[in-house]
Structures are given as C-alpha cells and as structure tokens.
C-alpha atoms as a PDB file:
ATOM      1  CA  MET A   1      16.043 -61.306   0.460  1.00  0.00           C
ATOM      2  CA  ASN A   2      13.686 -59.106  -1.471  1.00  0.00           C
ATOM      3  CA  HIS A   3      15.138 -57.929  -4.783  1.00  0.00           C
ATOM      4  CA  LEU A   4      13.845 -55.254  -7.083  1.00  0.00           C
ATOM      5  CA  PRO A   5      14.411 -55.286 -10.848  1.00  0.00           C
ATOM      6  CA  HIS A   6      17.893 -54.295 -12.030  1.00  0.00           C
ATOM      7  CA  GLY A   7      19.560 -55.475  -8.851  1.00  0.00           C
ATOM      8  CA  ARG A   8      18.289 -52.732  -6.482  1.00  0.00           C
ATOM      9  CA  ARG A   9      17.322 -53.704  -2.987  1.00  0.00           C
ATOM     10  CA  GLU A  10      14.290 -52.319  -1.214  1.00  0.00           C
ATOM     11  CA  VAL A  11      15.279 -49.981   1.589  1.00  0.00           C
ATOM     12  CA  HIS A  12      12.728 -49.652   4.383  1.00  0.00           C
ATOM     13  CA  GLY A  13      14.501 -46.828   6.289  1.00  0.00           C
ATOM     14  CA  ASP A  14      13.582 -44.072   3.789  1.00  0.00           C
ATOM     15  CA  ARG A  15       9.917 -44.948   3.551  1.00  0.00           C
ATOM     16  CA  GLY A  16       7.790 -41.802   4.134  1.00  0.00           C
ATOM     17  CA  ALA A  17      10.716 -39.368   3.852  1.00  0.00           C
ATOM     18  CA  VAL A  18       9.150 -37.544   0.906  1.00  0.00           C
ATOM     19  CA  THR A  19       5.876 -37.100   2.802  1.00  0.00           C
ATOM     20  CA  THR A  20       7.704 -35.632   5.784  1.00  0.00           C
ATOM     21  CA  GLN A  21       9.611 -33.238   3.547  1.00  0.00           C
ATOM     22  CA  LEU A  22       6.372 -32.118   1.853  1.00  0.00           C
ATOM     23  CA  VAL A  23       4.731 -31.478   5.223  1.00  0.00           C
ATOM     24  CA  VAL A  24       7.527 -29.013   5.997  1.00  0.00           C
ATOM     25  CA  VAL A  25       8.186 -27.515   2.555  1.00  0.00           C
ATOM     26  CA  VAL A  26       4.649 -26.941   1.206  1.00  0.00           C
ATOM     27  CA  PRO A  27       3.381 -24.805   4.137  1.00  0.00           C
ATOM     28  CA  THR A  28       6.599 -22.787   4.033  1.00  0.00           C
ATOM     29  CA  LEU A  29       6.141 -22.119   0.320  1.00  0.00           C
ATOM     30  CA  LEU A  30       2.500 -21.180   0.857  1.00  0.00           C
ATOM     31  CA  VAL A  31       3.416 -18.692   3.596  1.00  0.00           C
ATOM     32  CA  LEU A  32       6.071 -17.178   1.313  1.00  0.00           C
ATOM     33  CA  ALA A  33       3.533 -16.843  -1.511  1.00  0.00           C
ATOM     34  CA  VAL A  34       1.020 -15.158   0.820  1.00  0.00           C
ATOM     35  CA  LEU A  35       3.756 -12.781   2.060  1.00  0.00           C
ATOM     36  CA  VAL A  36       4.504 -11.801  -1.533  1.00  0.00           C
ATOM     37  CA  VAL A  37       0.805 -11.036  -2.080  1.00  0.00           C
ATOM     38  CA  GLN A  38       0.632  -9.097   1.218  1.00  0.00           C
ATOM     39  CA  PHE A  39       3.599  -6.885   0.386  1.00  0.00           C
ATOM     40  CA  ALA A  40       2.306  -6.333  -3.154  1.00  0.00           C
ATOM     41  CA  LEU A  41      -0.947  -5.089  -1.608  1.00  0.00           C
ATOM     42  CA  ALA A  42       1.045  -2.824   0.727  1.00  0.00           C
ATOM     43  CA  TRP A  43       2.936  -1.401  -2.248  1.00  0.00           C
ATOM     44  CA  HIS A  44      -0.354  -0.824  -4.100  1.00  0.00           C
ATOM     45  CA  ALA A  45      -1.941   0.784  -1.007  1.00  0.00           C
ATOM     46  CA  HIS A  46       1.034   3.161  -0.735  1.00  0.00           C
ATOM     47  CA  HIS A  47       0.483   4.262  -4.326  1.00  0.00           C
ATOM     48  CA  ILE A  48      -3.233   4.782  -3.686  1.00  0.00           C
ATOM     49  CA  ALA A  49      -2.467   6.905  -0.612  1.00  0.00           C
ATOM     50  CA  GLN A  50       0.111   8.923  -2.567  1.00  0.00           C
ATOM     51  CA  TYR A  51      -2.324   9.493  -5.444  1.00  0.00           C
ATOM     52  CA  ALA A  52      -5.061  10.642  -3.045  1.00  0.00           C
ATOM     53  CA  ALA A  53      -2.610  13.012  -1.319  1.00  0.00           C
ATOM     54  CA  GLU A  54      -1.528  14.537  -4.640  1.00  0.00           C
ATOM     55  CA  ARG A  55      -5.136  15.010  -5.790  1.00  0.00           C
ATOM     56  CA  ALA A  56      -6.050  16.591  -2.444  1.00  0.00           C
ATOM     57  CA  LEU A  57      -3.049  18.904  -2.681  1.00  0.00           C
ATOM     58  CA  ALA A  58      -4.148  20.027  -6.143  1.00  0.00           C
ATOM     59  CA  ALA A  59      -7.564  20.967  -4.729  1.00  0.00           C
ATOM     60  CA  ALA A  60      -6.210  22.651  -1.601  1.00  0.00           C
ATOM     61  CA  ARG A  61      -3.426  24.726  -3.130  1.00  0.00           C
ATOM     62  CA  VAL A  62      -5.354  26.561  -5.852  1.00  0.00           C
ATOM     63  CA  GLN A  63      -5.908  30.273  -5.308  1.00  0.00           C
ATOM     64  CA  HIS A  64      -9.366  29.959  -3.762  1.00  0.00           C
ATOM     65  CA  GLY A  65      -8.884  26.414  -2.481  1.00  0.00           C
ATOM     66  CA  SER A  66      -9.366  25.289   1.097  1.00  0.00           C
ATOM     67  CA  THR A  67      -8.595  22.468   3.457  1.00  0.00           C
ATOM     68  CA  ALA A  68     -12.195  21.297   3.058  1.00  0.00           C
ATOM     69  CA  ALA A  69     -11.778  21.084  -0.733  1.00  0.00           C
ATOM     70  CA  GLY A  70      -8.603  19.066  -0.256  1.00  0.00           C
ATOM     71  CA  GLN A  71     -10.303  16.769   2.242  1.00  0.00           C
ATOM     72  CA  THR A  72     -13.256  16.211  -0.100  1.00  0.00           C
ATOM     73  CA  GLN A  73     -10.988  15.427  -3.042  1.00  0.00           C
ATOM     74  CA  ALA A  74      -8.927  12.938  -1.006  1.00  0.00           C
ATOM     75  CA  VAL A  75     -12.035  11.115   0.204  1.00  0.00           C
ATOM     76  CA  ARG A  76     -13.393  11.008  -3.358  1.00  0.00           C
ATOM     77  CA  SER A  77     -10.108   9.619  -4.716  1.00  0.00           C
ATOM     78  CA  LEU A  78      -9.890   7.003  -1.963  1.00  0.00           C
ATOM     79  CA  SER A  79     -13.454   5.854  -2.507  1.00  0.00           C
ATOM     80  CA  GLN A  80     -12.813   5.457  -6.237  1.00  0.00           C
ATOM     81  CA  LEU A  81      -9.536   3.568  -5.888  1.00  0.00           C
ATOM     82  CA  GLY A  82      -8.702   2.281  -2.477  1.00  0.00           C
ATOM     83  CA  SER A  83     -11.723   1.129  -0.553  1.00  0.00           C
ATOM     84  CA  HIS A  84     -10.719  -2.545  -0.752  1.00  0.00           C
ATOM     85  CA  VAL A  85      -6.963  -2.122  -0.344  1.00  0.00           C
ATOM     86  CA  LEU A  86      -6.511   0.804   2.050  1.00  0.00           C
ATOM     87  CA  ALA A  87      -8.760   0.322   5.079  1.00  0.00           C
ATOM     88  CA  SER A  88      -9.638   2.997   7.637  1.00  0.00           C
ATOM     89  CA  PRO A  89      -7.966   5.845   5.768  1.00  0.00           C
ATOM     90  CA  SER A  90      -7.340   9.164   7.469  1.00  0.00           C
ATOM     91  CA  VAL A  91      -6.674  12.415   5.661  1.00  0.00           C
ATOM     92  CA  THR A  92      -4.955  15.455   7.140  1.00  0.00           C
ATOM     93  CA  VAL A  93      -4.934  18.682   5.142  1.00  0.00           C
ATOM     94  CA  ARG A  94      -3.135  21.808   6.313  1.00  0.00           C
ATOM     95  CA  ARG A  95      -3.047  25.103   4.486  1.00  0.00           C
ATOM     96  CA  THR A  96      -1.307  28.340   5.371  1.00  0.00           C
ATOM     97  CA  SER A  97      -1.096  31.484   3.269  1.00  0.00           C
ATOM     98  CA  THR A  98       1.974  30.107   1.479  1.00  0.00           C
ATOM     99  CA  GLN A  99       1.996  26.296   1.844  1.00  0.00           C
ATOM    100  CA  ALA A 100      -0.454  23.389   1.612  1.00  0.00           C
ATOM    101  CA  THR A 101       0.337  19.930   2.987  1.00  0.00           C
ATOM    102  CA  VAL A 102      -1.659  16.701   2.774  1.00  0.00           C
ATOM    103  CA  ARG A 103      -1.054  13.365   4.468  1.00  0.00           C
ATOM    104  CA  VAL A 104      -3.101  10.227   3.769  1.00  0.00           C
ATOM    105  CA  GLN A 105      -2.619   7.037   5.715  1.00  0.00           C
ATOM    106  CA  GLY A 106      -4.475   3.827   6.389  1.00  0.00           C
ATOM    107  CA  LYS A 107      -4.201   0.147   7.140  1.00  0.00           C
ATOM    108  CA  VAL A 108      -3.358  -2.347   4.414  1.00  0.00           C
ATOM    109  CA  VAL A 109      -6.019  -5.040   4.116  1.00  0.00           C
ATOM    110  CA  PRO A 110      -4.474  -8.141   5.739  1.00  0.00           C
ATOM    111  CA  VAL A 111      -4.015 -11.365   3.817  1.00  0.00           C
ATOM    112  CA  LEU A 112      -1.845 -13.065   6.423  1.00  0.00           C
ATOM    113  CA  PRO A 113      -3.523 -13.050   9.854  1.00  0.00           C
ATOM    114  CA  GLY A 114      -1.627 -11.099  12.483  1.00  0.00           C
ATOM    115  CA  LEU A 115       0.431  -9.026  10.052  1.00  0.00           C
ATOM    116  CA  ARG A 116      -0.564  -5.373  10.374  1.00  0.00           C
ATOM    117  CA  LEU A 117       0.867  -3.014   7.773  1.00  0.00           C
ATOM    118  CA  THR A 118       0.135   0.639   7.163  1.00  0.00           C
ATOM    119  CA  ALA A 119       0.528   2.705   4.036  1.00  0.00           C
ATOM    120  CA  SER A 120       0.808   6.446   3.723  1.00  0.00           C
ATOM    121  CA  GLY A 121       1.314   9.175   1.190  1.00  0.00           C
ATOM    122  CA  ALA A 122       2.181  12.830   1.573  1.00  0.00           C
ATOM    123  CA  ALA A 123       2.292  15.834  -0.702  1.00  0.00           C
ATOM    124  CA  SER A 124       3.036  19.499  -0.151  1.00  0.00           C
ATOM    125  CA  GLY A 125       3.365  22.547  -2.315  1.00  0.00           C
ATOM    126  CA  ALA A 126       3.116  26.282  -2.494  1.00  0.00           C
ATOM    127  CA  VAL A 127      -0.327  27.876  -2.451  1.00  0.00           C
ATOM    128  CA  GLU A 128      -1.139  29.554  -5.746  1.00  0.00           C
ATOM    129  CA  ARG A 129      -1.499  33.312  -5.646  1.00  0.00           C
ATOM    130  CA  ILE A 130      -1.431  36.104  -8.139  1.00  0.00           C
ATOM    131  CA  THR A 131       1.694  38.191  -8.050  1.00  0.00           C
ATOM    132  CA  LEU A 132       2.631  41.213 -10.091  1.00  0.00           C
ATOM    133  CA  PRO A 133       6.039  41.935 -11.548  1.00  0.00           C
ATOM    134  CA  ALA A 134       8.167  44.265  -9.447  1.00  0.00           C
ATOM    135  CA  GLY A 135       7.090  47.876  -9.782  1.00  0.00           C
ATOM    136  CA  GLU A 136       3.572  47.202 -11.134  1.00  0.00           C
ATOM    137  CA  HIS A 137       0.426  48.071  -9.212  1.00  0.00           C
ATOM    138  CA  PRO A 138      -3.010  46.486  -9.609  1.00  0.00           C
END
C-alpha cells in the first residue's frame, strides 16, 4: 500500500479532475469577460449616437438651419468620436416649419464573432423662430 505523509492515502480516481474543470470553467469565464466588453462598447456606441443626434439637432433647428446643416454636423461629430466604435452609421434629419428630428444609428463594432448589435440615438425639438408679443407688428 502506498502511503503519503500524515497518514493520507493516494487516490487515483481524482487524478486530472482539476484539469477537466479548468477546461470547462476558463473558456466560460473568458466568454463572459468578452460579453462584458461587448456590451460596454454597445453602451458607449449608444452615447456616441445620442451625442451626434443632439449636435445635429442643434444645427438643424436654428432659425436659418437646414437638414443639410444637421447632416453635416452629425457626420462631423461621428467622425470625431465614433469611427472605431459605431460602424456604418446612418443619419436621418427631418425638418418642418415647426419641428426638427434627427436619428443616428449604426452597428456596434463586434468583439465576439457572430454577435451583431446596433446602437441608435434620437433627438427632436422645436425649430427656432422669431415671434412677437401679441398685438405687436414688425
């Protein structure tokens, strides 16, 4: 009989159990860590899209603003902030005589293959215009 110090016997049935557990646990932990990074990037991409939409709205809703000015501002904001996080962005700017609306959306850069996430931001507000108090004429 093979004895170990302190009266413990060697058990052959558990040999390699730790290795098997590591083969299962380590990849699972790595996938979880990558998922955390992926969703953090999605959260960041959403904030970039929202920022670009708000900046575009500010350009489109001013008194002499236009949809083209809003579009230009959104593209400029996205190129400064989101070119590596928000891929293939699209910008939609609509302006009526009273309301301006901007929507920015794009694909989140994938970290985990096969996971496709999108991020978007939207902003709308009243178009600025000069009004006179009741009873006054220009």
